[in-house]
Protein backbone atom coordinates (compact mmCIF):
# COMPACT_ATOMS: atom_id res chain seq x y z
CA UNK A 1 -133.44 56.76 240.64
CA UNK A 2 -137.08 57.79 240.25
CA UNK A 3 -136.16 61.40 241.02
CA UNK A 4 -134.03 61.57 237.86
CA UNK A 5 -135.16 62.19 234.26
CA UNK A 6 -132.89 61.95 231.22
CA UNK A 7 -132.77 63.77 227.90
CA UNK A 8 -130.48 62.31 225.24
CA UNK A 9 -129.75 64.74 222.43
CA UNK A 10 -129.65 62.75 219.20
CA UNK A 11 -130.81 65.14 216.49
CA UNK A 12 -127.48 66.24 215.02
CA UNK A 13 -126.67 66.17 211.30
CA UNK A 14 -123.21 64.65 211.70
CA UNK A 15 -121.67 66.65 208.86
CA UNK A 16 -118.09 65.72 209.83
CA UNK A 17 -118.99 62.03 209.50
CA UNK A 18 -120.17 62.20 205.90
CA UNK A 19 -120.62 60.00 203.91
CA UNK A 20 -121.47 57.71 206.87
CA UNK A 21 -124.35 59.95 207.96
CA UNK A 22 -125.93 59.85 204.52
CA UNK A 23 -127.33 56.43 205.45
CA UNK A 24 -127.41 56.51 209.25
CA UNK A 25 -127.72 59.25 211.92
CA UNK A 26 -124.74 60.04 214.11
CA UNK A 27 -126.48 58.65 217.19
CA UNK A 28 -126.70 55.21 215.56
CA UNK A 29 -123.05 55.01 214.47
CA UNK A 30 -121.71 51.52 215.25
CA UNK A 31 -119.40 50.91 218.19
CA UNK A 32 -118.48 47.24 218.53
CA UNK A 33 -121.34 46.48 216.15
CA UNK A 34 -124.01 48.19 218.26
CA UNK A 35 -125.51 51.68 217.85
CA UNK A 36 -123.99 54.40 220.03
CA UNK A 37 -127.46 55.29 221.33
CA UNK A 38 -127.92 51.73 222.57
CA UNK A 39 -124.75 52.05 224.64
CA UNK A 40 -126.13 55.25 226.21
CA UNK A 41 -129.50 53.67 226.99
CA UNK A 42 -127.79 50.63 228.46
CA UNK A 43 -125.78 52.87 230.81
CA UNK A 44 -128.97 54.61 231.97
CA UNK A 45 -130.84 51.32 232.32
CA UNK A 46 -128.09 49.90 234.55
CA UNK A 47 -128.43 52.72 237.08
CA UNK A 48 -132.22 52.53 237.12
CA UNK A 49 -133.25 55.70 235.30
CA UNK A 50 -136.71 54.79 234.11
CA UNK A 51 -137.79 57.87 232.13
CA UNK A 52 -135.75 58.91 229.09
CA UNK A 53 -136.55 61.29 226.23
CA UNK A 54 -134.58 61.11 222.97
CA UNK A 55 -134.90 63.98 220.50
CA UNK A 56 -134.74 63.18 216.79
CA UNK A 57 -134.30 65.05 213.54
CA UNK A 58 -131.74 63.66 211.07
CA UNK A 59 -132.89 60.23 209.78
CA UNK A 60 -135.66 60.40 212.37
CA UNK A 61 -137.37 57.38 210.81
CA UNK A 62 -134.38 55.17 211.63
CA UNK A 63 -134.21 56.47 215.20
CA UNK A 64 -137.96 55.96 215.64
CA UNK A 65 -137.72 52.35 214.50
CA UNK A 66 -134.74 51.81 216.82
CA UNK A 67 -136.70 53.15 219.82
CA UNK A 68 -139.75 51.03 218.91
CA UNK A 69 -137.90 47.88 220.00
CA UNK A 70 -139.51 46.05 222.90
CA UNK A 71 -136.54 46.56 225.23
CA UNK A 72 -137.25 50.32 225.25
CA UNK A 73 -141.01 50.22 225.68
CA UNK A 74 -142.55 52.10 228.63
CA UNK A 75 -139.36 53.95 229.61
CA UNK A 76 -137.86 55.57 226.47
CA UNK A 77 -139.79 58.14 224.41
CA UNK A 78 -138.69 59.59 221.08
CA UNK A 79 -139.60 63.20 220.27
CA UNK A 80 -139.23 64.37 216.69
CA UNK A 81 -138.10 67.93 215.98
CA UNK A 82 -139.27 69.44 212.68
CA UNK A 83 -136.38 71.90 212.87
CA UNK A 84 -133.26 71.84 215.01
CA UNK A 85 -134.07 73.64 218.26
CA UNK A 86 -130.65 73.66 219.94
CA UNK A 87 -130.01 72.16 223.36
CA UNK A 88 -131.81 74.91 225.29
CA UNK A 89 -134.67 74.91 222.81
CA UNK A 90 -135.10 71.16 223.19
CA UNK A 91 -135.10 71.50 226.98
CA UNK A 92 -137.76 74.20 226.72
CA UNK A 93 -139.87 72.13 224.31
CA UNK A 94 -139.84 69.13 226.67
CA UNK A 95 -139.90 71.00 229.98
CA UNK A 96 -143.29 69.66 231.09
CA UNK A 97 -142.14 66.05 230.66
CA UNK A 98 -138.87 66.75 232.50
CA UNK A 99 -140.26 68.72 235.43
CA UNK A 100 -140.32 67.44 238.98
CA UNK A 101 -136.75 66.32 239.62
CA UNK A 102 -133.15 66.33 238.48
CA UNK A 103 -132.59 66.04 234.72
CA UNK A 104 -129.61 64.35 233.12
CA UNK A 105 -128.85 65.93 229.75
CA UNK A 106 -126.30 64.29 227.46
CA UNK A 107 -125.17 64.79 223.90
CA UNK A 108 -125.61 61.27 222.60
CA UNK A 109 -122.93 61.77 219.94
CA UNK A 110 -120.35 61.45 222.71
CA UNK A 111 -118.84 58.06 223.46
CA UNK A 112 -118.79 58.10 227.24
CA UNK A 113 -117.68 55.27 229.51
CA UNK A 114 -117.66 56.16 233.20
CA UNK A 115 -119.27 55.45 236.55
CA UNK A 116 -122.57 57.24 235.97
CA UNK A 117 -123.85 56.26 239.39
CA UNK A 118 -120.88 58.06 240.99
CA UNK A 119 -121.70 61.11 238.84
CA UNK A 120 -125.31 61.12 240.07
CA UNK A 121 -124.28 60.47 243.68
CA UNK A 122 -121.84 63.38 243.58
CA UNK A 123 -124.54 65.71 242.32
CA UNK A 124 -127.11 64.45 244.78
CA UNK A 125 -124.99 64.27 247.94
CA UNK A 126 -121.62 66.00 247.51
CA UNK A 127 -121.82 69.02 245.21
CA UNK A 128 -121.33 72.46 246.79
CA UNK A 129 -124.64 73.72 248.19
CA UNK A 130 -124.69 76.91 246.10
CA UNK A 131 -124.67 74.97 242.82
CA UNK A 132 -127.73 74.01 240.75
CA UNK A 133 -125.96 72.03 238.04
CA UNK A 134 -123.14 69.50 237.74
CA UNK A 135 -121.10 69.38 234.54
CA UNK A 136 -119.16 66.28 233.56
CA UNK A 137 -115.61 67.22 232.60
CA UNK A 138 -112.66 65.30 231.15
CA UNK A 139 -109.00 65.88 230.36
CA UNK A 140 -108.49 66.46 226.66
CA UNK A 141 -105.38 66.05 224.51
CA UNK A 142 -106.73 68.70 222.10
CA UNK A 143 -107.83 71.65 224.28
CA UNK A 144 -107.97 74.08 221.34
CA UNK A 145 -110.83 71.96 219.93
CA UNK A 146 -112.89 71.89 223.15
CA UNK A 147 -114.70 74.14 225.55
CA UNK A 148 -112.25 74.58 228.45
CA UNK A 149 -113.41 75.37 231.99
CA UNK A 150 -111.64 77.04 234.88
CA UNK A 151 -112.71 75.89 238.34
CA UNK A 152 -112.04 77.01 241.90
CA UNK A 153 -110.83 74.90 244.83
CA UNK A 154 -114.35 73.46 245.29
CA UNK A 155 -114.62 72.43 241.65
CA UNK A 156 -117.11 75.20 240.79
CA UNK A 157 -116.86 76.71 237.31
CA UNK A 158 -115.53 80.28 237.26
CA UNK A 159 -114.76 80.81 233.55
CA UNK A 160 -115.41 79.29 230.13
CA UNK A 161 -113.09 79.36 227.14
CA UNK A 162 -114.74 78.06 223.98
CA UNK A 163 -112.30 76.58 221.42
CA UNK A 164 -109.56 79.20 221.71
CA UNK A 165 -106.12 79.07 220.12
CA UNK A 166 -104.55 79.73 223.54
CA UNK A 167 -106.51 77.37 225.84
CA UNK A 168 -106.49 77.82 229.60
CA UNK A 169 -105.62 74.27 230.64
CA UNK A 170 -107.05 70.96 229.43
CA UNK A 171 -110.12 70.43 231.61
CA UNK A 172 -112.94 70.25 229.06
CA UNK A 173 -116.72 70.41 229.19
CA UNK A 174 -118.00 66.90 228.44
CA UNK A 175 -121.51 68.11 227.47
CA UNK A 176 -123.16 65.84 230.04
CA UNK A 177 -125.07 67.70 232.74
CA UNK A 178 -127.25 67.16 235.78
CA UNK A 179 -129.73 70.03 236.10
CA UNK A 180 -131.87 71.05 239.02
CA UNK A 181 -135.36 72.53 238.35
CA UNK A 182 -133.97 76.08 238.79
CA UNK A 183 -132.03 75.68 235.54
CA UNK A 184 -134.97 74.22 233.63
CA UNK A 185 -137.20 77.02 234.92
CA UNK A 186 -134.72 79.66 233.73
CA UNK A 187 -134.48 78.08 230.27
CA UNK A 188 -138.28 77.86 230.02
CA UNK A 189 -138.73 81.52 230.92
CA UNK A 190 -135.91 82.81 228.69
CA UNK A 191 -137.49 82.30 225.30
CA UNK A 192 -134.61 83.68 223.23
CA UNK A 193 -132.01 81.17 224.49
CA UNK A 194 -131.37 78.14 222.26
CA UNK A 195 -127.66 77.40 222.61
CA UNK A 196 -126.89 75.88 225.99
CA UNK A 197 -123.11 76.44 225.93
CA UNK A 198 -123.12 80.12 224.97
CA UNK A 199 -126.50 81.36 226.23
CA UNK A 200 -127.29 79.31 229.33
CA UNK A 201 -124.05 78.22 230.99
CA UNK A 202 -122.61 81.77 231.30
CA UNK A 203 -125.71 82.78 233.28
CA UNK A 204 -124.85 80.19 235.95
CA UNK A 205 -121.15 80.88 236.53
CA UNK A 206 -120.37 80.24 240.19
CA UNK A 207 -123.31 77.82 240.41
CA UNK A 208 -121.98 74.94 238.26
CA UNK A 209 -120.28 72.04 240.03
CA UNK A 210 -117.97 69.71 238.12
CA UNK A 211 -117.31 65.97 238.19
CA UNK A 212 -114.33 64.65 236.23
CA UNK A 213 -114.77 61.58 234.08
CA UNK A 214 -111.45 59.73 234.34
CA UNK A 215 -112.71 56.96 232.06
CA UNK A 216 -113.39 57.30 228.34
CA UNK A 217 -114.84 60.42 226.74
CA UNK A 218 -114.76 60.91 222.98
CA UNK A 219 -116.67 63.10 220.55
CA UNK A 220 -117.32 60.61 217.75
CA UNK A 221 -118.28 63.41 215.36
CA UNK A 222 -115.04 62.77 213.46
CA UNK A 223 -114.33 59.49 211.68
CA UNK A 224 -110.89 59.17 213.32
CA UNK A 225 -112.48 59.35 216.78
CA UNK A 226 -115.17 56.84 215.81
CA UNK A 227 -112.42 54.47 214.67
CA UNK A 228 -110.54 54.93 217.96
CA UNK A 229 -113.71 54.13 219.91
CA UNK A 230 -113.82 50.64 218.41
CA UNK A 231 -110.68 49.74 220.36
CA UNK A 232 -111.99 50.95 223.73
CA UNK A 233 -113.00 48.42 226.41
CA UNK A 234 -116.66 47.42 226.13
CA UNK A 235 -119.19 46.76 228.87
CA UNK A 236 -121.41 43.70 228.72
CA UNK A 237 -124.47 44.29 226.59
CA UNK A 238 -127.84 44.91 228.25
CA UNK A 239 -129.78 43.40 225.35
CA UNK A 240 -127.54 40.82 223.63
CA UNK A 241 -130.23 39.21 221.50
CA UNK A 242 -130.31 39.92 217.75
CA UNK A 243 -133.86 41.07 217.02
CA UNK A 244 -135.44 42.08 213.73
CA UNK A 245 -134.26 45.67 214.04
CA UNK A 246 -130.65 44.55 214.58
CA UNK A 247 -130.83 42.29 211.51
CA UNK A 248 -131.89 45.27 209.39
CA UNK A 249 -129.26 47.48 211.02
CA UNK A 250 -126.51 44.99 210.23
CA UNK A 251 -127.33 45.44 206.54
CA UNK A 252 -127.21 49.24 206.65
CA UNK A 253 -124.60 50.59 204.17
CA UNK A 254 -122.93 52.51 207.02
CA UNK A 255 -121.01 49.39 208.05
CA UNK A 256 -119.34 48.93 204.66
CA UNK A 257 -118.66 52.66 204.46
CA UNK A 258 -117.07 52.58 207.90
CA UNK A 259 -114.80 49.69 206.91
CA UNK A 260 -113.76 51.62 203.80
CA UNK A 261 -113.08 54.75 205.86
CA UNK A 262 -110.98 52.73 208.31
CA UNK A 263 -108.76 51.51 205.48
CA UNK A 264 -108.15 55.07 204.32
CA UNK A 265 -106.92 56.33 207.68
């Protein structure tokens, strides 16, 4: 997988998760006792992606200390943002580090359990030749709350419908992408674009392939969804040992707050 880079977007404020995010960033919310970001990194580690960038902003000190653990040395790099740049802005800021191959971009506040290798293989070997990007999609029970996509018979995106009251189907954008250099070059050259969904994706209609995640896909930005994620099947841990960072994390007030929130639901 040396031809793949990865960018995990982990800078969000997590306003819908307050008060949990007063003590812990959204990307470190616990799922089965482990930070969400660790689950993402484990998934990438399993398929052999050896170069990952994680952007940071909210509670950046906690994310920096998490990434300083020995299991992430030499393959995961944290990049602090002094203001929120947006997805396209973060891509532009890190374009030199991501150049030279396919880039996986994922919003690390999603709880995603799927066959990532099949996703990469589809993009690499099976996507329609006119496409320069593959978007992960999923079937949502709440289409009015999601970005809905319309695709043609080849699975290529033809239209977007962003959180409308009259959604066109239930096939949603999962905010996980595989980008070819053409996309990164466009973002780098278009200095005014910062929002990927509204300013970049529309420019590539007809050139975006899709791959449907039939496993688990949740936005854990809401406490109810974070609670639901605790009941989902778990993969074996990549790094099961309890190190010093995990001992500190286990004492973070977010765990008691989460238990209290669970009782209120």
